[in-house]
């Protein structure tokens, strides 16, 4: 068996990801952003130590999760017409942590269909 000197043989190099390969990463990033962002709340929350977004969640008891209908395995619609996918599972885990932060274990999750636009 021939041994190559270190550093001479490397796997394939990859340049910046473009085109279709980048779309799932972008979709996951958008879903995560949708999980963390909501409409701003009034400035009264500074005294509570919560960000405006968390204060709005605490006030409304609702977290909105954005999803795309056809981005498997990140997010897609199942046979029962419900949004599923591992990006949504990640967001749902974050919602549980948000519930701890705002002291509300029964937060309602609203799924919001989003569209990818160029």
N, C-alpha and C. Protein backbone atom coordinates (compact mmCIF):
# COMPACT_ATOMS: atom_id res chain seq x y z
N UNK A 1 0.84 -1.18 0.00
CA UNK A 1 0.00 0.00 0.00
C UNK A 1 0.89 1.23 0.00
N UNK A 2 0.62 2.14 -0.93
CA UNK A 2 1.42 3.34 -1.07
C UNK A 2 0.93 4.42 -0.12
N UNK A 3 1.83 5.05 0.58
CA UNK A 3 1.51 6.15 1.48
C UNK A 3 1.83 7.48 0.80
N UNK A 4 0.85 8.37 0.74
CA UNK A 4 1.07 9.68 0.17
C UNK A 4 1.55 10.63 1.26
N UNK A 5 2.44 11.54 0.91
CA UNK A 5 2.88 12.53 1.90
C UNK A 5 1.69 13.35 2.39
N UNK A 6 1.77 13.72 3.64
CA UNK A 6 0.68 14.51 4.23
C UNK A 6 0.47 15.80 3.45
N UNK A 7 -0.78 16.14 3.26
CA UNK A 7 -1.11 17.40 2.62
C UNK A 7 -1.23 17.34 1.11
N UNK A 8 -0.72 16.27 0.47
CA UNK A 8 -0.81 16.20 -0.98
C UNK A 8 -2.16 15.71 -1.47
N UNK A 9 -2.75 14.79 -0.73
CA UNK A 9 -4.03 14.24 -1.14
C UNK A 9 -5.12 14.77 -0.22
N UNK A 10 -6.07 15.43 -0.81
CA UNK A 10 -7.20 15.94 -0.04
C UNK A 10 -8.47 15.58 -0.77
N UNK A 11 -9.55 15.63 -0.03
CA UNK A 11 -10.85 15.39 -0.63
C UNK A 11 -11.22 16.53 -1.56
N UNK A 12 -12.34 16.40 -2.21
CA UNK A 12 -12.76 17.46 -3.13
C UNK A 12 -12.96 18.77 -2.40
N UNK A 13 -12.53 19.82 -3.03
CA UNK A 13 -12.71 21.14 -2.43
C UNK A 13 -14.02 21.72 -2.91
N UNK A 14 -14.59 22.52 -2.07
CA UNK A 14 -15.87 23.12 -2.42
C UNK A 14 -15.74 24.63 -2.31
N UNK A 15 -16.28 25.28 -3.27
CA UNK A 15 -16.34 26.73 -3.25
C UNK A 15 -17.59 27.17 -2.53
N UNK A 16 -17.92 28.44 -2.66
CA UNK A 16 -19.16 28.92 -2.02
C UNK A 16 -20.37 28.17 -2.57
N UNK A 17 -21.26 27.83 -1.68
CA UNK A 17 -22.46 27.11 -2.09
C UNK A 17 -23.40 28.07 -2.80
N UNK A 18 -23.84 27.66 -3.97
CA UNK A 18 -24.76 28.49 -4.75
C UNK A 18 -25.85 27.62 -5.32
N UNK A 19 -26.90 28.26 -5.74
CA UNK A 19 -27.96 27.56 -6.45
C UNK A 19 -28.78 26.66 -5.55
N UNK A 20 -29.26 25.53 -6.11
CA UNK A 20 -30.18 24.66 -5.38
C UNK A 20 -29.61 24.11 -4.07
N UNK A 21 -28.30 23.91 -3.99
CA UNK A 21 -27.72 23.36 -2.77
C UNK A 21 -27.83 24.33 -1.60
N UNK A 22 -27.93 25.61 -1.88
CA UNK A 22 -28.00 26.61 -0.82
C UNK A 22 -29.43 26.82 -0.32
N UNK A 23 -30.42 26.47 -1.11
CA UNK A 23 -31.81 26.74 -0.75
C UNK A 23 -32.24 26.08 0.55
N UNK A 24 -31.92 24.80 0.80
CA UNK A 24 -32.34 24.21 2.08
C UNK A 24 -31.72 24.93 3.28
N UNK A 25 -30.49 25.36 3.15
CA UNK A 25 -29.83 26.08 4.25
C UNK A 25 -30.53 27.41 4.47
N UNK A 26 -30.85 28.08 3.38
CA UNK A 26 -31.56 29.35 3.48
C UNK A 26 -32.94 29.15 4.10
N UNK A 27 -33.64 28.10 3.68
CA UNK A 27 -34.97 27.82 4.22
C UNK A 27 -34.89 27.57 5.73
N UNK A 28 -33.90 26.79 6.15
CA UNK A 28 -33.74 26.51 7.58
C UNK A 28 -33.45 27.81 8.35
N UNK A 29 -32.63 28.66 7.78
CA UNK A 29 -32.33 29.93 8.42
C UNK A 29 -33.55 30.82 8.53
N UNK A 30 -34.35 30.85 7.47
CA UNK A 30 -35.57 31.64 7.50
C UNK A 30 -36.56 31.11 8.53
N UNK A 31 -36.67 29.79 8.62
CA UNK A 31 -37.58 29.22 9.62
C UNK A 31 -37.12 29.52 11.03
N UNK A 32 -35.83 29.43 11.25
CA UNK A 32 -35.32 29.74 12.59
C UNK A 32 -35.57 31.21 12.92
N UNK A 33 -35.36 32.08 11.95
CA UNK A 33 -35.62 33.50 12.18
C UNK A 33 -37.10 33.74 12.47
N UNK A 34 -37.96 33.04 11.77
CA UNK A 34 -39.40 33.18 12.02
C UNK A 34 -39.76 32.71 13.41
N UNK A 35 -39.04 31.70 13.91
CA UNK A 35 -39.30 31.22 15.27
C UNK A 35 -38.92 32.27 16.30
N UNK A 36 -37.86 32.98 16.04
CA UNK A 36 -37.33 33.89 17.04
C UNK A 36 -37.89 35.31 16.95
N UNK A 37 -38.45 35.63 15.80
CA UNK A 37 -38.95 36.98 15.61
C UNK A 37 -40.47 37.02 15.62
N UNK A 38 -41.01 37.99 16.27
CA UNK A 38 -42.46 38.22 16.26
C UNK A 38 -42.65 39.73 16.24
N UNK A 39 -43.87 40.17 16.21
CA UNK A 39 -44.09 41.61 16.20
C UNK A 39 -43.64 42.24 17.51
N UNK A 40 -43.14 43.47 17.46
CA UNK A 40 -42.62 44.11 18.67
C UNK A 40 -43.72 44.42 19.68
N UNK A 41 -43.33 44.44 20.94
CA UNK A 41 -44.26 44.74 22.03
C UNK A 41 -43.96 46.13 22.59
N UNK A 42 -44.83 46.66 23.44
CA UNK A 42 -44.60 47.98 24.03
C UNK A 42 -43.33 48.03 24.88
N UNK A 43 -42.84 49.22 25.16
CA UNK A 43 -41.60 49.41 25.89
C UNK A 43 -41.70 49.08 27.37
N UNK A 44 -42.87 48.76 27.88
CA UNK A 44 -43.05 48.47 29.30
C UNK A 44 -42.27 47.23 29.75
N UNK A 45 -41.79 46.44 28.81
CA UNK A 45 -41.15 45.17 29.14
C UNK A 45 -39.74 45.32 29.67
N UNK A 46 -39.15 46.47 29.53
CA UNK A 46 -37.78 46.65 30.01
C UNK A 46 -37.71 46.36 31.51
N UNK A 47 -38.73 46.75 32.25
CA UNK A 47 -38.72 46.52 33.69
C UNK A 47 -38.83 45.03 34.03
N UNK A 48 -39.43 44.25 33.16
CA UNK A 48 -39.56 42.82 33.41
C UNK A 48 -38.31 42.06 33.02
N UNK A 49 -37.40 42.68 32.27
CA UNK A 49 -36.18 42.03 31.85
C UNK A 49 -36.36 41.16 30.62
N UNK A 50 -37.50 41.28 29.93
CA UNK A 50 -37.73 40.51 28.72
C UNK A 50 -37.54 41.41 27.50
N UNK A 51 -37.10 40.79 26.41
CA UNK A 51 -37.01 41.53 25.15
C UNK A 51 -38.42 41.86 24.69
N UNK A 52 -38.58 42.81 23.79
CA UNK A 52 -39.91 43.12 23.28
C UNK A 52 -40.60 41.90 22.65
N UNK A 53 -39.84 41.06 21.96
CA UNK A 53 -40.43 39.87 21.34
C UNK A 53 -40.94 38.90 22.40
N UNK A 54 -40.13 38.62 23.41
CA UNK A 54 -40.57 37.72 24.48
C UNK A 54 -41.74 38.30 25.26
N UNK A 55 -41.73 39.61 25.46
CA UNK A 55 -42.84 40.25 26.16
C UNK A 55 -44.15 40.10 25.37
N UNK A 56 -44.06 40.22 24.04
CA UNK A 56 -45.25 40.05 23.21
C UNK A 56 -45.75 38.61 23.29
N UNK A 57 -44.84 37.66 23.29
CA UNK A 57 -45.22 36.25 23.42
C UNK A 57 -45.88 36.01 24.78
N UNK A 58 -45.32 36.61 25.82
CA UNK A 58 -45.90 36.45 27.16
C UNK A 58 -47.30 37.05 27.22
N UNK A 59 -47.49 38.19 26.56
CA UNK A 59 -48.78 38.87 26.58
C UNK A 59 -49.84 38.11 25.77
N UNK A 60 -49.45 37.59 24.60
CA UNK A 60 -50.43 36.95 23.71
C UNK A 60 -50.52 35.44 23.90
N UNK A 61 -49.52 34.84 24.55
CA UNK A 61 -49.45 33.38 24.74
C UNK A 61 -49.38 32.64 23.42
N UNK A 62 -48.83 33.30 22.37
CA UNK A 62 -48.76 32.71 21.03
C UNK A 62 -47.36 32.88 20.46
N UNK A 63 -46.86 31.81 19.83
CA UNK A 63 -45.62 31.87 19.07
C UNK A 63 -45.97 31.47 17.64
N UNK A 64 -45.54 32.27 16.69
CA UNK A 64 -45.82 31.98 15.29
C UNK A 64 -44.58 31.37 14.65
N UNK A 65 -44.77 30.21 13.99
CA UNK A 65 -43.67 29.53 13.31
C UNK A 65 -43.94 29.57 11.81
N UNK A 66 -43.02 30.13 11.07
CA UNK A 66 -43.15 30.14 9.62
C UNK A 66 -42.67 28.83 9.04
N UNK A 67 -43.32 28.38 7.98
CA UNK A 67 -42.92 27.14 7.32
C UNK A 67 -43.17 27.25 5.83
N UNK A 68 -42.47 26.41 5.08
CA UNK A 68 -42.69 26.30 3.64
C UNK A 68 -43.37 24.97 3.38
N UNK A 69 -44.27 24.95 2.42
CA UNK A 69 -45.05 23.75 2.14
C UNK A 69 -44.26 22.64 1.46
N UNK A 70 -43.22 22.98 0.75
CA UNK A 70 -42.55 21.96 -0.05
C UNK A 70 -41.03 22.07 0.02
N UNK A 71 -40.50 21.97 1.22
CA UNK A 71 -39.06 21.98 1.42
C UNK A 71 -38.63 20.78 2.27
N UNK A 72 -39.00 19.55 1.83
CA UNK A 72 -38.61 18.39 2.63
C UNK A 72 -37.10 18.24 2.64
N UNK A 73 -36.52 17.83 3.68
CA UNK A 73 -37.09 17.38 4.95
C UNK A 73 -37.23 18.51 5.97
N UNK A 74 -36.93 19.75 5.56
CA UNK A 74 -36.97 20.87 6.49
C UNK A 74 -38.39 21.19 6.93
N UNK A 75 -39.27 21.42 5.98
CA UNK A 75 -40.67 21.64 6.30
C UNK A 75 -41.51 21.31 5.07
N UNK A 76 -42.63 20.66 5.34
CA UNK A 76 -43.54 20.28 4.27
C UNK A 76 -44.87 19.90 4.89
N UNK A 77 -45.87 19.70 4.06
CA UNK A 77 -47.21 19.35 4.52
C UNK A 77 -47.36 17.83 4.49
N UNK A 78 -47.84 17.25 5.59
CA UNK A 78 -48.04 15.79 5.63
C UNK A 78 -49.40 15.43 5.04
N UNK A 79 -49.74 14.14 5.09
CA UNK A 79 -51.00 13.66 4.51
C UNK A 79 -52.23 14.20 5.23
N UNK A 80 -52.05 14.64 6.47
CA UNK A 80 -53.17 15.22 7.23
C UNK A 80 -53.24 16.73 7.06
N UNK A 81 -52.44 17.27 6.14
CA UNK A 81 -52.40 18.69 5.85
C UNK A 81 -51.84 19.51 7.02
N UNK A 82 -50.91 18.91 7.77
CA UNK A 82 -50.24 19.60 8.87
C UNK A 82 -48.79 19.86 8.49
N UNK A 83 -48.22 21.00 8.87
CA UNK A 83 -46.81 21.24 8.59
C UNK A 83 -45.92 20.38 9.49
N UNK A 84 -44.95 19.72 8.90
CA UNK A 84 -43.98 18.91 9.65
C UNK A 84 -42.60 19.12 9.05
N UNK A 85 -41.60 18.57 9.68
CA UNK A 85 -40.23 18.64 9.19
C UNK A 85 -39.29 18.93 10.33
N UNK A 86 -37.99 18.65 10.11
CA UNK A 86 -37.11 18.80 11.25
C UNK A 86 -36.80 20.25 11.58
N UNK A 87 -36.98 21.18 10.68
CA UNK A 87 -36.85 22.59 11.06
C UNK A 87 -37.96 22.99 12.02
N UNK A 88 -39.15 22.48 11.77
CA UNK A 88 -40.25 22.76 12.68
C UNK A 88 -40.06 22.08 14.02
N UNK A 89 -39.48 20.87 14.01
CA UNK A 89 -39.20 20.20 15.28
C UNK A 89 -38.20 21.01 16.09
N UNK A 90 -37.20 21.56 15.43
CA UNK A 90 -36.23 22.42 16.10
C UNK A 90 -36.92 23.65 16.67
N UNK A 91 -37.78 24.27 15.88
CA UNK A 91 -38.51 25.46 16.35
C UNK A 91 -39.42 25.13 17.53
N UNK A 92 -40.05 23.96 17.50
CA UNK A 92 -40.93 23.56 18.60
C UNK A 92 -40.13 23.35 19.89
N UNK A 93 -38.90 22.86 19.77
CA UNK A 93 -38.04 22.74 20.95
C UNK A 93 -37.69 24.13 21.49
N UNK A 94 -37.49 25.07 20.59
CA UNK A 94 -37.20 26.45 21.01
C UNK A 94 -38.43 27.05 21.69
N UNK A 95 -39.61 26.73 21.18
CA UNK A 95 -40.85 27.23 21.80
C UNK A 95 -40.95 26.73 23.24
N UNK A 96 -40.56 25.50 23.49
CA UNK A 96 -40.57 24.99 24.87
C UNK A 96 -39.66 25.82 25.76
N UNK A 97 -38.49 26.18 25.25
CA UNK A 97 -37.57 27.01 26.03
C UNK A 97 -38.12 28.43 26.21
N UNK A 98 -38.79 28.94 25.20
CA UNK A 98 -39.43 30.25 25.33
C UNK A 98 -40.49 30.19 26.42
N UNK A 99 -41.24 29.08 26.49
CA UNK A 99 -42.24 28.91 27.54
C UNK A 99 -41.63 28.99 28.92
N UNK A 100 -40.44 28.41 29.08
CA UNK A 100 -39.74 28.50 30.36
C UNK A 100 -39.36 29.95 30.65
N UNK A 101 -38.86 30.63 29.63
CA UNK A 101 -38.40 32.01 29.80
C UNK A 101 -39.54 32.96 30.18
N UNK A 102 -40.71 32.77 29.58
CA UNK A 102 -41.83 33.68 29.86
C UNK A 102 -42.78 33.10 30.91
N UNK A 103 -42.40 31.99 31.51
CA UNK A 103 -43.17 31.33 32.57
C UNK A 103 -44.59 30.97 32.10
N UNK A 104 -44.64 30.32 30.93
CA UNK A 104 -45.92 29.89 30.36
C UNK A 104 -45.67 28.58 29.60
N UNK A 105 -45.97 27.46 30.24
CA UNK A 105 -45.72 26.15 29.64
C UNK A 105 -46.75 25.78 28.58
N UNK A 106 -47.81 26.55 28.45
CA UNK A 106 -48.89 26.22 27.50
C UNK A 106 -48.99 27.25 26.38
N UNK A 107 -47.87 27.61 25.79
CA UNK A 107 -47.90 28.55 24.68
C UNK A 107 -48.58 27.91 23.48
N UNK A 108 -49.37 28.70 22.78
CA UNK A 108 -50.01 28.22 21.56
C UNK A 108 -49.06 28.47 20.39
N UNK A 109 -48.97 27.49 19.50
CA UNK A 109 -48.13 27.63 18.30
C UNK A 109 -49.04 27.84 17.10
N UNK A 110 -48.81 28.93 16.39
CA UNK A 110 -49.53 29.19 15.15
C UNK A 110 -48.55 28.98 14.01
N UNK A 111 -48.93 28.15 13.06
CA UNK A 111 -48.10 27.89 11.90
C UNK A 111 -48.48 28.86 10.79
N UNK A 112 -47.49 29.55 10.25
CA UNK A 112 -47.72 30.57 9.23
C UNK A 112 -47.01 30.12 7.95
N UNK A 113 -47.79 29.90 6.90
CA UNK A 113 -47.19 29.50 5.61
C UNK A 113 -46.45 30.68 5.03
N UNK A 114 -45.22 30.45 4.61
CA UNK A 114 -44.41 31.50 4.00
C UNK A 114 -44.10 31.11 2.57
N UNK A 115 -43.76 32.07 1.78
CA UNK A 115 -43.41 31.82 0.38
C UNK A 115 -42.00 32.36 0.12
N UNK A 116 -41.24 31.58 -0.59
CA UNK A 116 -39.89 32.01 -0.96
C UNK A 116 -40.00 32.86 -2.22
N UNK A 117 -39.46 34.06 -2.13
CA UNK A 117 -39.51 34.97 -3.28
C UNK A 117 -38.11 35.35 -3.65
N UNK A 118 -37.88 35.46 -4.93
CA UNK A 118 -36.55 35.88 -5.41
C UNK A 118 -36.54 37.35 -5.70
